[in-house]
Amino acid sequence: MLNSLSGFCHRLIYLKIGDPDCWHDTRMVHAAPSTSLSFDADLIRKYDHFGPRYTSYPTADRFTEAFTAEHLVSALFTRAAEGAAQPLSLYVHVPFCNTVCYYCACNKVVTKDHGRSAKYIRYLGREIAMLSALVNPQVPVKQLHWGGGTPTFLSADEMTQLMRVLRDNFNFAHDAELSIEIDPRQVSVADIALLAQLGFNRMSLGVQDFDPDVQKAVNRLQSEAETRAVLEAARAHGFRSLNVDLIYGLPRQTLSGFDVTLDKVLRDAPDRIALYSYAHVPHLFKPQRRISDADLPSPDVKLAILERAIEKMTSAGYVHIGMDHFALPNDELAVAQREGRLQRNFQGYATDVDCDLLSFGISAIGKVGTAYCQNVRALDEYYERLDADALPTFRGWQLSADDRLRRDVIQALMCQFKVSVDLVEDAHAIAFQEYFATELQALKPLINDGLIEVAPDAITVTRRGRLLVRTVAMVFDRYLREQREQARYSRVI
């Protein structure tokens, strides 16, 4: 564990990759907790170490190539044979971007050639048809997300074509949540109208920072006016939830400058705000080599930015959902938290009930039953596998009984800040105190520092510990305990 803040700003990383956790046994909690939190800089300094974001358990870095497309097909056959009626969630990865943002760690293809997306859409259609043939056509789709890259890199005809293929192959529920990631620099009011016509009702807009100096440093020039135009168009066309992504710790970022960005964002009152962290790790992500170390804010400045941002958002009425996510009290995410049905999937926090996740496109990650799967990462290999009439799955994981138990505990901590001992014991037929004796011993420093409270019937994350909930969850990660020296993660804050 690193107790120094020396690496705090330089190794936090903004990641939009992960593993699917589109499920959560809501019985793991008695009731939704208060969503208030307490910012404790000393605790953040003390627990400034690396750790997973737990969009799934086990995490994606545990996936193995011993898990093949045949295992995914077997999982789908098992689901069909059991007559599984739980709804589906779908994810489509569109990797293309016109330009590169230097901070980005996504799996993307930077190109000006819009002809490349036409081929990709054709191959997505093949993969969608192959997987949908293995699913009961009556099972409803409750969630769909297009991520990237920049999904609106696609032309209007291509977006229409892709949505038509999805609807032709799956049974979408009338109240399904259809979300898409948006780069406000790449869409028009007409594009927003088309997305609404296609059925999208939720949108996530990348902003990061409105400061022109910061934008130049990360190669992302984006005005407040064009961002607001997208927000207003989305509201005018009936989008029911709008999210804004911000990043703190970017080059040339200052406390006063980010204050201005926050004021502008809060004035527009998006339903959700995601406040991600950034680290300069050019040895891992080539685009970051264009960012100078000297331009990065100091660790103390970055911590001050985080504290100010939390203060401003909570003062404006936003509820802390968990980790880096905030939402207005009437947003579906906040409602799901209050009702004890909040979950995590590889896109972050989610609202829907237990579901399997089918994912399409390069690097896309899915979950079927007790199996995780991930597609190949490169376009050429993706095309080659589909040309051979093979699914593009290249690795995954089959969950054991221990995996499922620890997944439920970690998900309860991440989503509700509380685990019911009795309900865990009932669900998994274990004696909690005996099974987790090692973990309960490891929790003692966290108890002493006021991050958690442990009672005979529950483990509860305190207001002081909520920003550090990943630290608590890590205690229950058996693979992390066994192989921690080999793992590389983002810091917990």
Protein backbone atom coordinates (compact mmCIF):
# COMPACT_ATOMS: atom_id res chain seq x y z
CA MET A 1 0.00 0.00 0.00
CA LEU A 2 1.28 3.45 -0.88
CA ASN A 3 0.87 5.96 1.92
CA SER A 4 2.45 8.80 0.00
CA LEU A 5 0.49 11.13 -2.26
CA SER A 6 3.52 11.44 -4.54
CA GLY A 7 1.97 9.36 -7.31
CA PHE A 8 -1.64 10.40 -6.75
CA CYS A 9 -2.07 12.61 -9.81
CA HIS A 10 0.30 10.80 -12.07
CA ARG A 11 -1.04 7.29 -11.95
CA LEU A 12 -4.77 7.67 -11.71
CA ILE A 13 -6.19 6.52 -15.00
CA TYR A 14 -9.38 7.17 -16.88
CA LEU A 15 -10.53 3.78 -18.19
CA LYS A 16 -13.65 2.89 -20.10
CA ILE A 17 -12.77 -0.76 -20.46
CA GLY A 18 -13.76 -3.41 -17.98
CA ASP A 19 -15.85 -6.44 -17.46
CA PRO A 20 -19.61 -6.95 -17.34
CA ASP A 21 -21.50 -7.05 -14.09
CA CYS A 22 -25.04 -6.48 -15.25
CA TRP A 23 -26.38 -8.30 -12.22
CA HIS A 24 -26.64 -7.88 -8.48
CA ASP A 25 -28.49 -9.88 -5.86
CA THR A 26 -30.43 -7.11 -4.16
CA ARG A 27 -31.10 -9.43 -1.26
CA MET A 28 -27.55 -8.71 -0.12
CA VAL A 29 -28.81 -5.51 1.51
CA HIS A 30 -31.63 -4.80 3.94
CA ALA A 31 -32.34 -1.30 2.63
CA ALA A 32 -30.71 1.41 0.58
CA PRO A 33 -28.35 3.57 2.65
CA SER A 34 -28.06 7.29 3.01
CA THR A 35 -26.08 8.60 0.06
CA SER A 36 -24.14 11.28 1.88
CA LEU A 37 -20.38 11.10 2.05
CA SER A 38 -17.53 12.75 3.89
CA PHE A 39 -14.35 13.94 2.17
CA ASP A 40 -11.28 13.04 4.23
CA ALA A 41 -8.05 14.06 2.52
CA ASP A 42 -5.85 12.27 5.05
CA LEU A 43 -7.62 8.97 4.45
CA ILE A 44 -7.36 9.43 0.69
CA ARG A 45 -3.62 10.01 1.04
CA LYS A 46 -3.24 6.95 3.22
CA TYR A 47 -5.17 4.64 0.91
CA ASP A 48 -3.78 6.04 -2.34
CA HIS A 49 -3.09 2.68 -3.99
CA PHE A 50 -4.05 0.75 -7.09
CA GLY A 51 -7.19 -1.32 -7.35
CA PRO A 52 -9.93 -2.60 -9.69
CA ARG A 53 -13.11 -0.69 -10.42
CA TYR A 54 -15.12 -3.90 -9.95
CA THR A 55 -17.37 -3.61 -12.94
CA SER A 56 -17.30 -7.37 -12.47
CA TYR A 57 -15.83 -10.00 -10.23
CA PRO A 58 -13.55 -11.65 -11.14
CA THR A 59 -12.15 -8.66 -13.02
CA ALA A 60 -11.35 -8.74 -16.73
CA ASP A 61 -7.62 -9.11 -16.21
CA ARG A 62 -8.36 -12.60 -14.86
CA PHE A 63 -9.93 -13.72 -18.13
CA THR A 64 -8.12 -16.55 -19.89
CA GLU A 65 -7.87 -17.69 -23.50
CA ALA A 66 -8.76 -21.18 -22.28
CA PHE A 67 -12.31 -19.84 -22.45
CA THR A 68 -13.30 -19.97 -26.13
CA ALA A 69 -16.27 -19.26 -28.36
CA GLU A 70 -17.39 -22.84 -27.76
CA HIS A 71 -17.77 -22.06 -24.06
CA LEU A 72 -19.91 -19.04 -24.89
CA VAL A 73 -22.13 -21.14 -27.15
CA SER A 74 -22.44 -23.73 -24.37
CA ALA A 75 -23.48 -21.00 -21.92
CA LEU A 76 -26.13 -19.80 -24.37
CA PHE A 77 -27.42 -23.33 -24.92
CA THR A 78 -27.63 -23.81 -21.16
CA ARG A 79 -29.55 -20.57 -20.83
CA ALA A 80 -32.00 -21.68 -23.53
CA ALA A 81 -32.39 -25.18 -22.08
CA GLU A 82 -33.17 -23.77 -18.66
CA GLY A 83 -35.79 -21.50 -20.19
CA ALA A 84 -34.14 -18.44 -18.71
CA ALA A 85 -36.65 -15.61 -18.75
CA GLN A 86 -34.51 -12.83 -17.31
CA PRO A 87 -34.12 -9.87 -19.69
CA LEU A 88 -31.09 -9.18 -21.83
CA SER A 89 -28.79 -6.21 -22.02
CA LEU A 90 -26.92 -5.44 -25.25
CA TYR A 91 -23.70 -3.51 -25.87
CA VAL A 92 -22.26 -2.43 -29.23
CA HIS A 93 -18.69 -1.17 -29.46
CA VAL A 94 -18.09 1.36 -32.25
CA PRO A 95 -14.34 2.04 -32.16
CA PHE A 96 -13.93 4.86 -34.67
CA CYS A 97 -12.89 8.44 -33.85
CA ASN A 98 -12.03 11.33 -36.16
CA THR A 99 -9.28 12.58 -33.86
CA VAL A 100 -7.41 11.31 -30.84
CA CYS A 101 -7.85 12.79 -27.36
CA TYR A 102 -4.45 12.45 -25.73
CA TYR A 103 -5.82 11.27 -22.38
CA CYS A 104 -7.89 8.44 -23.87
CA ALA A 105 -7.36 4.79 -22.90
CA CYS A 106 -10.25 3.32 -24.90
CA ASN A 107 -9.91 0.68 -27.59
CA LYS A 108 -10.32 2.97 -30.60
CA VAL A 109 -9.46 3.38 -34.26
CA VAL A 110 -8.55 6.95 -35.21
CA THR A 111 -9.35 7.59 -38.86
CA LYS A 112 -10.73 10.19 -41.25
CA ASP A 113 -11.92 7.45 -43.60
CA HIS A 114 -15.64 7.10 -42.95
CA GLY A 115 -15.77 4.25 -45.44
CA ARG A 116 -14.25 1.97 -42.81
CA SER A 117 -17.40 2.07 -40.71
CA ALA A 118 -19.55 0.67 -43.52
CA LYS A 119 -17.56 -2.58 -43.48
CA TYR A 120 -17.69 -2.71 -39.70
CA ILE A 121 -21.47 -2.39 -39.70
CA ARG A 122 -21.76 -5.33 -42.09
CA TYR A 123 -19.66 -7.53 -39.81
CA LEU A 124 -21.55 -6.39 -36.72
CA GLY A 125 -24.66 -7.61 -38.49
CA ARG A 126 -23.09 -11.05 -38.88
CA GLU A 127 -22.14 -11.28 -35.22
CA ILE A 128 -25.56 -10.05 -34.09
CA ALA A 129 -27.29 -12.66 -36.24
CA MET A 130 -25.05 -15.48 -34.97
CA LEU A 131 -25.63 -14.69 -31.29
CA SER A 132 -29.33 -13.88 -31.56
CA ALA A 133 -29.93 -17.30 -33.16
CA LEU A 134 -28.83 -18.85 -29.86
CA VAL A 135 -31.28 -16.81 -27.75
CA ASN A 136 -34.98 -17.26 -27.11
CA PRO A 137 -36.54 -14.63 -29.40
CA GLN A 138 -39.23 -13.87 -26.81
CA VAL A 139 -36.78 -12.75 -24.13
CA PRO A 140 -37.00 -8.96 -23.79
CA VAL A 141 -34.07 -6.60 -24.19
CA LYS A 142 -34.18 -4.07 -21.34
CA GLN A 143 -30.97 -2.17 -22.03
CA LEU A 144 -28.89 -1.21 -25.06
CA HIS A 145 -25.72 0.85 -25.05
CA TRP A 146 -23.57 2.06 -27.94
CA GLY A 147 -20.06 2.94 -26.81
CA GLY A 148 -16.73 3.64 -28.38
CA GLY A 149 -14.84 5.34 -29.78
CA THR A 150 -17.45 7.71 -31.07
CA PRO A 151 -20.68 5.93 -32.07
CA THR A 152 -21.87 8.95 -34.05
CA PHE A 153 -18.86 8.49 -36.31
CA LEU A 154 -21.40 6.35 -38.16
CA SER A 155 -23.47 8.06 -40.83
CA ALA A 156 -27.21 8.50 -40.39
CA ASP A 157 -27.83 5.59 -42.75
CA GLU A 158 -25.37 3.38 -40.85
CA MET A 159 -26.91 4.18 -37.47
CA THR A 160 -30.34 3.43 -38.90
CA GLN A 161 -29.08 0.19 -40.43
CA LEU A 162 -27.43 -0.95 -37.19
CA MET A 163 -30.54 -0.25 -35.13
CA ARG A 164 -32.70 -2.05 -37.67
CA VAL A 165 -30.45 -5.13 -37.44
CA LEU A 166 -30.67 -5.09 -33.65
CA ARG A 167 -34.44 -4.75 -33.62
CA ASP A 168 -34.85 -7.43 -36.28
CA ASN A 169 -32.85 -9.89 -34.19
CA PHE A 170 -34.00 -9.06 -30.65
CA ASN A 171 -37.25 -8.34 -28.84
CA PHE A 172 -36.90 -4.88 -27.32
CA ALA A 173 -39.13 -4.08 -24.34
CA HIS A 174 -41.32 -1.02 -24.83
CA ASP A 175 -39.64 0.69 -21.86
CA ALA A 176 -36.07 -0.36 -22.70
CA GLU A 177 -33.25 2.00 -21.80
CA LEU A 178 -31.33 2.86 -24.96
CA SER A 179 -28.18 4.87 -24.32
CA ILE A 180 -25.35 6.20 -26.41
CA GLU A 181 -22.03 7.99 -25.86
CA ILE A 182 -21.79 11.35 -27.59
CA ASP A 183 -18.92 13.61 -28.56
CA PRO A 184 -20.68 16.99 -28.83
CA ARG A 185 -18.17 18.10 -31.45
CA GLN A 186 -19.37 15.37 -33.82
CA VAL A 187 -23.17 15.71 -33.81
CA SER A 188 -25.78 18.13 -35.07
CA VAL A 189 -29.32 18.85 -33.93
CA ALA A 190 -30.46 16.67 -36.83
CA ASP A 191 -28.33 13.81 -35.50
CA ILE A 192 -29.98 14.11 -32.09
CA ALA A 193 -33.40 14.03 -33.73
CA LEU A 194 -32.40 10.86 -35.59
CA LEU A 195 -31.16 9.18 -32.42
CA ALA A 196 -34.46 9.93 -30.72
CA GLN A 197 -36.32 8.55 -33.73
CA LEU A 198 -34.22 5.37 -33.46
CA GLY A 199 -35.38 5.00 -29.86
CA PHE A 200 -32.46 6.32 -27.84
CA ASN A 201 -33.59 7.90 -24.59
CA ARG A 202 -30.38 8.30 -22.60
CA MET A 203 -27.17 10.04 -23.56
CA SER A 204 -23.69 10.48 -22.13
CA LEU A 205 -21.75 13.54 -23.26
CA GLY A 206 -17.99 13.85 -23.00
CA VAL A 207 -16.94 17.29 -21.71
CA GLN A 208 -13.84 16.67 -19.54
CA ASP A 209 -13.02 20.39 -19.07
CA PHE A 210 -14.12 23.64 -20.73
CA ASP A 211 -10.81 25.42 -20.05
CA PRO A 212 -9.28 26.24 -23.49
CA ASP A 213 -5.73 25.66 -22.23
CA VAL A 214 -6.65 22.21 -20.95
CA GLN A 215 -8.47 21.39 -24.16
CA LYS A 216 -5.42 22.33 -26.24
CA ALA A 217 -3.20 20.20 -24.04
CA VAL A 218 -5.36 17.11 -24.62
CA ASN A 219 -6.25 17.83 -28.27
CA ARG A 220 -9.97 18.22 -27.64
CA LEU A 221 -11.28 21.68 -28.51
CA GLN A 222 -14.93 21.83 -27.50
CA SER A 223 -16.95 24.93 -26.81
CA GLU A 224 -19.58 25.38 -24.15
CA ALA A 225 -22.02 26.52 -26.84
CA GLU A 226 -21.84 23.34 -28.92
CA THR A 227 -22.13 21.21 -25.79
CA ARG A 228 -25.18 23.12 -24.58
CA ALA A 229 -26.76 22.85 -28.03
CA VAL A 230 -26.56 19.06 -27.80
CA LEU A 231 -28.01 19.05 -24.27
CA GLU A 232 -30.89 21.28 -25.30
CA ALA A 233 -31.59 19.24 -28.44
CA ALA A 234 -31.60 16.02 -26.43
CA ARG A 235 -34.09 17.43 -23.96
CA ALA A 236 -36.25 18.79 -26.75
CA HIS A 237 -36.37 15.34 -28.34
CA GLY A 238 -37.38 13.53 -25.18
CA PHE A 239 -34.16 12.05 -23.82
CA ARG A 240 -35.03 11.17 -20.24
CA SER A 241 -31.52 11.11 -18.76
CA LEU A 242 -28.41 13.06 -19.69
CA ASN A 243 -24.96 12.35 -18.30
CA VAL A 244 -21.87 14.57 -18.51
CA ASP A 245 -18.38 13.13 -18.18
CA LEU A 246 -15.68 15.22 -16.51
CA ILE A 247 -12.03 14.37 -15.85
CA TYR A 248 -9.86 15.88 -13.14
CA GLY A 249 -6.07 15.81 -13.14
CA LEU A 250 -5.67 16.77 -16.81
CA PRO A 251 -2.67 18.81 -17.99
CA ARG A 252 -2.82 22.57 -17.28
CA GLN A 253 -5.84 22.05 -15.05
CA THR A 254 -6.18 24.39 -12.06
CA LEU A 255 -8.58 24.66 -9.16
CA SER A 256 -9.96 27.98 -10.37
CA GLY A 257 -10.21 26.79 -13.96
CA PHE A 258 -12.10 23.63 -13.07
CA ASP A 259 -14.37 25.72 -10.85
CA VAL A 260 -15.49 27.52 -13.98
CA THR A 261 -16.14 24.24 -15.78
CA LEU A 262 -18.18 22.95 -12.84
CA ASP A 263 -20.25 26.12 -12.71
CA LYS A 264 -21.04 25.82 -16.42
CA VAL A 265 -21.97 22.14 -16.14
CA LEU A 266 -24.11 22.64 -13.05
CA ARG A 267 -25.93 25.51 -14.72
CA ASP A 268 -27.06 23.04 -17.39
CA ALA A 269 -28.17 20.57 -14.67
CA PRO A 270 -27.48 17.22 -16.35
CA ASP A 271 -29.23 14.31 -14.68
CA ARG A 272 -25.91 12.59 -13.95
CA ILE A 273 -22.28 13.59 -13.67
CA ALA A 274 -19.35 11.20 -13.87
CA LEU A 275 -16.16 12.66 -12.41
CA TYR A 276 -13.30 10.47 -13.60
CA SER A 277 -9.65 10.56 -12.66
CA TYR A 278 -6.71 10.72 -15.01
CA ALA A 279 -3.11 9.56 -14.76
CA HIS A 280 -0.22 10.13 -17.04
CA VAL A 281 1.00 6.64 -18.01
CA PRO A 282 2.51 7.04 -21.49
CA HIS A 283 4.26 3.68 -21.24
CA LEU A 284 0.81 2.08 -21.34
CA PHE A 285 -1.08 4.41 -23.70
CA LYS A 286 0.79 5.90 -26.64
CA PRO A 287 -1.38 9.05 -27.13
CA GLN A 288 -0.41 10.23 -23.63
CA ARG A 289 3.18 10.63 -24.80
CA ARG A 290 2.04 13.94 -26.28
CA ILE A 291 1.29 15.25 -22.78
CA SER A 292 4.13 16.82 -20.83
CA ASP A 293 4.68 15.74 -17.22
CA ALA A 294 5.34 19.38 -16.37
CA ASP A 295 1.80 20.34 -17.41
CA LEU A 296 0.11 18.01 -14.94
CA PRO A 297 -1.36 19.50 -11.75
CA SER A 298 0.42 18.69 -8.52
CA PRO A 299 -1.00 15.96 -6.26
CA ASP A 300 -2.29 18.54 -3.79
CA VAL A 301 -3.99 20.55 -6.54
CA LYS A 302 -5.65 17.44 -7.90
CA LEU A 303 -6.94 16.49 -4.48
CA ALA A 304 -8.25 20.03 -4.01
CA ILE A 305 -10.06 19.84 -7.37
CA LEU A 306 -11.74 16.61 -6.31
CA GLU A 307 -12.81 18.05 -2.97
CA ARG A 308 -14.19 21.22 -4.55
CA ALA A 309 -16.04 19.25 -7.21
CA ILE A 310 -17.73 17.04 -4.64
CA GLU A 311 -18.67 20.07 -2.55
CA LYS A 312 -20.17 21.88 -5.53
CA MET A 313 -22.10 18.91 -6.84
CA THR A 314 -23.58 17.90 -3.51
CA SER A 315 -24.44 21.55 -2.75
CA ALA A 316 -26.26 21.63 -6.09
CA GLY A 317 -28.39 18.68 -4.99
CA TYR A 318 -26.53 15.80 -6.60
CA VAL A 319 -26.51 12.47 -4.79
CA HIS A 320 -23.32 10.46 -4.53
CA ILE A 321 -24.11 7.15 -6.23
CA GLY A 322 -20.72 5.58 -5.66
CA MET A 323 -17.09 6.01 -6.64
CA ASP A 324 -17.07 8.78 -9.26
CA HIS A 325 -20.80 8.94 -10.11
CA PHE A 326 -23.35 11.54 -9.02
CA ALA A 327 -27.02 11.97 -9.96
CA LEU A 328 -29.97 14.22 -9.23
CA PRO A 329 -32.36 12.68 -6.67
CA ASN A 330 -35.10 11.98 -9.23
CA ASP A 331 -32.78 10.34 -11.75
CA GLU A 332 -33.32 6.60 -12.28
CA LEU A 333 -29.84 5.86 -10.94
CA ALA A 334 -30.55 7.60 -7.63
CA VAL A 335 -33.97 5.96 -7.43
CA ALA A 336 -32.40 2.54 -8.02
CA GLN A 337 -29.94 3.19 -5.22
CA ARG A 338 -32.68 4.16 -2.79
CA GLU A 339 -34.69 1.07 -3.72
CA GLY A 340 -31.72 -1.27 -3.29
CA ARG A 341 -31.54 -2.43 -6.91
CA LEU A 342 -28.47 -0.51 -8.07
CA GLN A 343 -25.94 -2.63 -9.97
CA ARG A 344 -22.60 -2.36 -11.73
CA ASN A 345 -21.87 -3.47 -15.23
CA PHE A 346 -18.84 -2.75 -17.35
CA GLN A 347 -20.26 0.65 -18.33
CA GLY A 348 -20.47 1.67 -14.67
CA TYR A 349 -23.54 1.89 -12.43
CA ALA A 350 -26.81 0.57 -13.84
CA THR A 351 -30.47 0.41 -12.84
CA ASP A 352 -32.00 -2.76 -14.23
CA VAL A 353 -32.71 -6.18 -12.78
CA ASP A 354 -30.54 -9.27 -13.11
CA CYS A 355 -29.70 -9.72 -16.78
CA ASP A 356 -27.32 -11.38 -19.17
CA LEU A 357 -25.22 -9.14 -21.38
CA LEU A 358 -24.54 -9.80 -25.07
CA SER A 359 -21.84 -7.60 -26.55
CA PHE A 360 -20.83 -6.98 -30.14
CA GLY A 361 -17.77 -5.53 -31.84
CA ILE A 362 -14.07 -5.51 -31.12
CA SER A 363 -13.00 -5.83 -27.46
CA ALA A 364 -16.67 -6.00 -26.33
CA ILE A 365 -17.27 -7.92 -23.09
CA GLY A 366 -20.37 -9.95 -22.27
CA LYS A 367 -21.88 -12.18 -19.59
CA VAL A 368 -24.11 -15.21 -20.00
CA GLY A 369 -25.14 -17.10 -16.90
CA THR A 370 -21.97 -17.71 -14.93
CA ALA A 371 -19.67 -17.05 -17.88
CA TYR A 372 -17.84 -13.90 -18.98
CA CYS A 373 -16.55 -13.49 -22.54
CA GLN A 374 -14.57 -10.91 -24.51
CA ASN A 375 -14.11 -10.36 -28.23
CA VAL A 376 -10.83 -9.95 -30.08
CA ARG A 377 -9.40 -6.43 -29.96
CA ALA A 378 -8.24 -5.85 -33.55
CA LEU A 379 -10.41 -5.18 -36.60
CA ASP A 380 -8.58 -7.58 -38.93
CA GLU A 381 -8.92 -10.50 -36.51
CA TYR A 382 -12.56 -9.63 -35.90
CA TYR A 383 -13.25 -9.77 -39.64
CA GLU A 384 -11.22 -12.98 -40.11
CA ARG A 385 -13.14 -14.87 -37.44
CA LEU A 386 -16.52 -13.82 -38.76
CA ASP A 387 -15.44 -14.67 -42.32
CA ALA A 388 -14.77 -18.16 -40.99
CA ASP A 389 -18.30 -18.24 -39.51
CA ALA A 390 -16.80 -18.21 -36.02
CA LEU A 391 -17.73 -16.00 -33.11
CA PRO A 392 -14.97 -13.47 -32.34
CA THR A 393 -14.67 -14.50 -28.66
CA PHE A 394 -11.02 -14.88 -27.66
CA ARG A 395 -11.06 -15.12 -23.88
CA GLY A 396 -13.34 -15.26 -20.85
CA TRP A 397 -14.01 -16.84 -17.47
CA GLN A 398 -16.32 -19.44 -15.96
CA LEU A 399 -17.34 -18.42 -12.45
CA SER A 400 -16.91 -20.89 -9.60
CA ALA A 401 -19.15 -21.01 -6.53
CA ASP A 402 -16.52 -18.97 -4.67
CA ASP A 403 -16.49 -16.41 -7.50
CA ARG A 404 -20.27 -16.02 -7.32
CA LEU A 405 -20.19 -15.58 -3.56
CA ARG A 406 -17.46 -12.95 -3.64
CA ARG A 407 -19.11 -11.23 -6.59
CA ASP A 408 -22.30 -10.77 -4.56
CA VAL A 409 -20.41 -9.38 -1.57
CA ILE A 410 -18.35 -6.98 -3.67
CA GLN A 411 -21.38 -5.82 -5.66
CA ALA A 412 -23.31 -5.12 -2.46
CA LEU A 413 -20.42 -3.03 -1.17
CA MET A 414 -19.97 -1.13 -4.43
CA CYS A 415 -23.65 -0.46 -5.02
CA GLN A 416 -25.27 -0.21 -1.58
CA PHE A 417 -22.32 0.29 0.79
CA LYS A 418 -23.67 -2.54 2.94
CA VAL A 419 -23.64 -6.34 3.04
CA SER A 420 -26.14 -8.40 5.01
CA VAL A 421 -24.37 -11.33 6.62
CA ASP A 422 -27.58 -13.33 7.07
CA LEU A 423 -28.64 -12.95 3.47
CA VAL A 424 -25.20 -13.92 2.15
CA GLU A 425 -25.27 -17.02 4.32
CA ASP A 426 -28.76 -17.96 3.14
CA ALA A 427 -27.96 -17.38 -0.54
CA HIS A 428 -24.68 -19.29 -0.56
CA ALA A 429 -25.05 -21.79 2.30
CA ILE A 430 -21.91 -20.68 4.13
CA ALA A 431 -20.99 -19.51 7.62
CA PHE A 432 -19.84 -15.96 6.95
CA GLN A 433 -17.51 -15.62 9.95
CA GLU A 434 -15.71 -18.84 9.10
CA TYR A 435 -15.61 -18.47 5.33
CA PHE A 436 -14.31 -14.92 5.45
CA ALA A 437 -12.12 -15.22 8.55
CA THR A 438 -9.05 -13.98 6.65
CA GLU A 439 -10.98 -11.07 5.18
CA LEU A 440 -12.51 -10.04 8.50
CA GLN A 441 -9.03 -9.93 9.99
CA ALA A 442 -7.83 -7.80 7.06
CA LEU A 443 -10.71 -5.37 7.60
CA LYS A 444 -9.47 -4.35 11.04
CA PRO A 445 -7.25 -1.45 9.84
CA LEU A 446 -10.21 -0.13 7.85
CA ILE A 447 -12.40 -0.36 10.94
CA ASN A 448 -9.78 1.49 12.97
CA ASP A 449 -9.61 4.23 10.34
CA GLY A 450 -13.37 4.61 10.28
CA LEU A 451 -13.93 3.41 6.71
CA ILE A 452 -16.32 0.65 7.71
CA GLU A 453 -18.37 -0.65 10.62
CA VAL A 454 -18.61 -4.39 11.20
CA ALA A 455 -21.48 -5.86 13.21
CA PRO A 456 -22.58 -9.49 13.57
CA ASP A 457 -25.28 -8.98 10.95
CA ALA A 458 -23.71 -6.53 8.50
CA ILE A 459 -20.66 -4.79 7.06
CA THR A 460 -21.36 -1.13 6.37
CA VAL A 461 -19.21 1.44 4.58
CA THR A 462 -19.27 4.73 6.49
CA ARG A 463 -19.60 8.23 5.10
CA ARG A 464 -15.82 8.60 5.45
CA GLY A 465 -15.25 5.38 3.55
CA ARG A 466 -17.55 5.77 0.57
CA LEU A 467 -15.01 7.40 -1.71
CA LEU A 468 -12.70 4.51 -0.82
CA VAL A 469 -15.24 1.72 -1.28
CA ARG A 470 -12.93 0.00 -3.76
CA THR A 471 -10.42 -0.39 -0.93
CA VAL A 472 -13.05 -2.24 1.10
CA ALA A 473 -14.09 -4.42 -1.84
CA MET A 474 -10.49 -5.37 -2.55
CA VAL A 475 -10.29 -7.19 0.77
CA PHE A 476 -12.77 -9.77 -0.56
CA ASP A 477 -10.94 -10.25 -3.89
CA ARG A 478 -9.24 -13.64 -3.61
CA TYR A 479 -7.37 -13.28 -6.89
CA LEU A 480 -6.03 -9.90 -5.91
CA ARG A 481 -4.76 -11.31 -2.64
CA GLU A 482 -3.05 -14.18 -4.45
CA GLN A 483 -1.62 -12.29 -7.39
CA ARG A 484 -1.58 -8.65 -6.35
CA GLU A 485 2.05 -8.12 -7.24
CA GLN A 486 1.23 -8.95 -10.88
CA ALA A 487 -1.82 -6.70 -11.23
CA ARG A 488 -1.97 -3.17 -12.62
CA TYR A 489 -5.01 -1.08 -11.84
CA SER A 490 -6.09 2.50 -11.52
CA ARG A 491 -5.85 4.09 -8.09
CA VAL A 492 -8.96 3.93 -5.94
CA ILE A 493 -9.49 7.71 -6.11
